[in-house]
Amino acid sequence: MNNPKLSYFEKENILHLAISSEKEFSSVEISPNITAELNEKGELIGIEIIGASAFLRDSILETTQAKLLQLTQEVA
């Protein structure tokens, strides 16, 4: 496996993580706006997130809220 490469395309708001420099053979939609890129053997070589800024914002907010809720329950 090659060195991972993270790219953000601001105009399109797309985040791309390439974990291999192999050619993409096919792709699978994991969830809306998230696609797994596969090589000819069906191995994961990259991930693409469309609408990346909202996805990251929402993911961070959910994680932070869950941690804060857990902390407040431990204190109570």
C-alpha atoms as a PDB file:
ATOM      1  CA  MET A   1       0.000   0.000   0.000  1.00  0.00           C
ATOM      2  CA  ASN A   2       1.291   3.444  -0.906  1.00  0.00           C
ATOM      3  CA  ASN A   3       1.287   6.537   1.273  1.00  0.00           C
ATOM      4  CA  PRO A   4      -2.269   7.847   1.725  1.00  0.00           C
ATOM      5  CA  LYS A   5      -3.051  11.170   0.071  1.00  0.00           C
ATOM      6  CA  LEU A   6      -5.836  13.482   1.201  1.00  0.00           C
ATOM      7  CA  SER A   7      -7.149  16.073  -1.250  1.00  0.00           C
ATOM      8  CA  TYR A   8      -9.884  18.667  -0.862  1.00  0.00           C
ATOM      9  CA  PHE A   9     -11.478  20.277  -3.886  1.00  0.00           C
ATOM     10  CA  GLU A  10     -12.945  23.472  -2.476  1.00  0.00           C
ATOM     11  CA  LYS A  11     -15.007  24.537  -5.489  1.00  0.00           C
ATOM     12  CA  GLU A  12     -16.760  21.146  -5.664  1.00  0.00           C
ATOM     13  CA  ASN A  13     -16.673  20.607  -1.860  1.00  0.00           C
ATOM     14  CA  ILE A  14     -15.275  17.099  -2.327  1.00  0.00           C
ATOM     15  CA  LEU A  15     -12.842  15.352   0.001  1.00  0.00           C
ATOM     16  CA  HIS A  16     -10.850  12.493  -1.517  1.00  0.00           C
ATOM     17  CA  LEU A  17      -8.679  10.033   0.356  1.00  0.00           C
ATOM     18  CA  ALA A  18      -6.479   7.897  -1.875  1.00  0.00           C
ATOM     19  CA  ILE A  19      -4.872   5.005  -0.025  1.00  0.00           C
ATOM     20  CA  SER A  20      -3.344   3.526  -3.160  1.00  0.00           C
ATOM     21  CA  SER A  21      -2.215   4.828  -6.533  1.00  0.00           C
ATOM     22  CA  GLU A  22      -3.838   1.866  -8.281  1.00  0.00           C
ATOM     23  CA  LYS A  23      -6.375   2.481 -11.034  1.00  0.00           C
ATOM     24  CA  GLU A  24     -10.025   2.593  -9.954  1.00  0.00           C
ATOM     25  CA  PHE A  25     -11.909  -0.369 -11.396  1.00  0.00           C
ATOM     26  CA  SER A  26     -15.270   0.147  -9.722  1.00  0.00           C
ATOM     27  CA  SER A  27     -16.941   1.993  -6.896  1.00  0.00           C
ATOM     28  CA  VAL A  28     -19.603   1.342  -4.268  1.00  0.00           C
ATOM     29  CA  GLU A  29     -21.854   3.930  -2.677  1.00  0.00           C
ATOM     30  CA  ILE A  30     -21.474   3.403   1.071  1.00  0.00           C
ATOM     31  CA  SER A  31     -24.075   6.021   1.955  1.00  0.00           C
ATOM     32  CA  PRO A  32     -25.433   9.107   0.236  1.00  0.00           C
ATOM     33  CA  ASN A  33     -22.461  11.255  -0.825  1.00  0.00           C
ATOM     34  CA  ILE A  34     -19.819   8.712   0.280  1.00  0.00           C
ATOM     35  CA  THR A  35     -18.252   6.412  -2.293  1.00  0.00           C
ATOM     36  CA  ALA A  36     -15.656   3.668  -1.831  1.00  0.00           C
ATOM     37  CA  GLU A  37     -13.303   3.248  -4.778  1.00  0.00           C
ATOM     38  CA  LEU A  38     -12.097  -0.270  -5.523  1.00  0.00           C
ATOM     39  CA  ASN A  39      -9.284  -1.790  -7.557  1.00  0.00           C
ATOM     40  CA  GLU A  40      -9.680  -4.737  -9.933  1.00  0.00           C
ATOM     41  CA  LYS A  41      -9.446  -7.192  -7.005  1.00  0.00           C
ATOM     42  CA  GLY A  42     -12.258  -5.409  -5.143  1.00  0.00           C
ATOM     43  CA  GLU A  43      -9.880  -3.916  -2.576  1.00  0.00           C
ATOM     44  CA  LEU A  44     -10.433  -0.435  -1.188  1.00  0.00           C
ATOM     45  CA  ILE A  45      -8.139   2.133  -2.804  1.00  0.00           C
ATOM     46  CA  GLY A  46      -9.929   5.376  -1.958  1.00  0.00           C
ATOM     47  CA  ILE A  47     -12.897   7.174  -0.470  1.00  0.00           C
ATOM     48  CA  GLU A  48     -14.708  10.193  -1.867  1.00  0.00           C
ATOM     49  CA  ILE A  49     -17.021  12.407   0.192  1.00  0.00           C
ATOM     50  CA  ILE A  50     -19.293  14.819  -1.673  1.00  0.00           C
ATOM     51  CA  GLY A  51     -20.517  17.745   0.433  1.00  0.00           C
ATOM     52  CA  ALA A  52     -17.483  17.224   2.633  1.00  0.00           C
ATOM     53  CA  SER A  53     -17.740  20.399   4.733  1.00  0.00           C
ATOM     54  CA  ALA A  54     -21.266  19.568   5.947  1.00  0.00           C
ATOM     55  CA  PHE A  55     -20.332  15.910   6.476  1.00  0.00           C
ATOM     56  CA  LEU A  56     -17.302  16.798   8.603  1.00  0.00           C
ATOM     57  CA  ARG A  57     -19.183  19.499  10.530  1.00  0.00           C
ATOM     58  CA  ASP A  58     -22.038  17.121  11.332  1.00  0.00           C
ATOM     59  CA  SER A  59     -19.672  14.269  12.254  1.00  0.00           C
ATOM     60  CA  ILE A  60     -17.678  16.486  14.603  1.00  0.00           C
ATOM     61  CA  LEU A  61     -20.832  17.904  16.193  1.00  0.00           C
ATOM     62  CA  GLU A  62     -22.307  14.429  16.744  1.00  0.00           C
ATOM     63  CA  THR A  63     -19.092  13.138  18.288  1.00  0.00           C
ATOM     64  CA  THR A  64     -18.705  16.182  20.511  1.00  0.00           C
ATOM     65  CA  GLN A  65     -22.327  16.067  21.657  1.00  0.00           C
ATOM     66  CA  ALA A  66     -22.037  12.359  22.444  1.00  0.00           C
ATOM     67  CA  LYS A  67     -18.857  12.928  24.491  1.00  0.00           C
ATOM     68  CA  LEU A  68     -20.442  15.850  26.380  1.00  0.00           C
ATOM     69  CA  LEU A  69     -23.570  13.796  27.093  1.00  0.00           C
ATOM     70  CA  GLN A  70     -21.411  10.936  28.355  1.00  0.00           C
ATOM     71  CA  LEU A  71     -19.438  13.298  30.608  1.00  0.00           C
ATOM     72  CA  THR A  72     -22.571  14.878  32.064  1.00  0.00           C
ATOM     73  CA  GLN A  73     -24.037  11.428  32.792  1.00  0.00           C
ATOM     74  CA  GLU A  74     -20.825  10.369  34.555  1.00  0.00           C
ATOM     75  CA  VAL A  75     -20.882  13.505  36.736  1.00  0.00           C
ATOM     76  CA  ALA A  76     -24.560  13.096  37.686  1.00  0.00           C
END
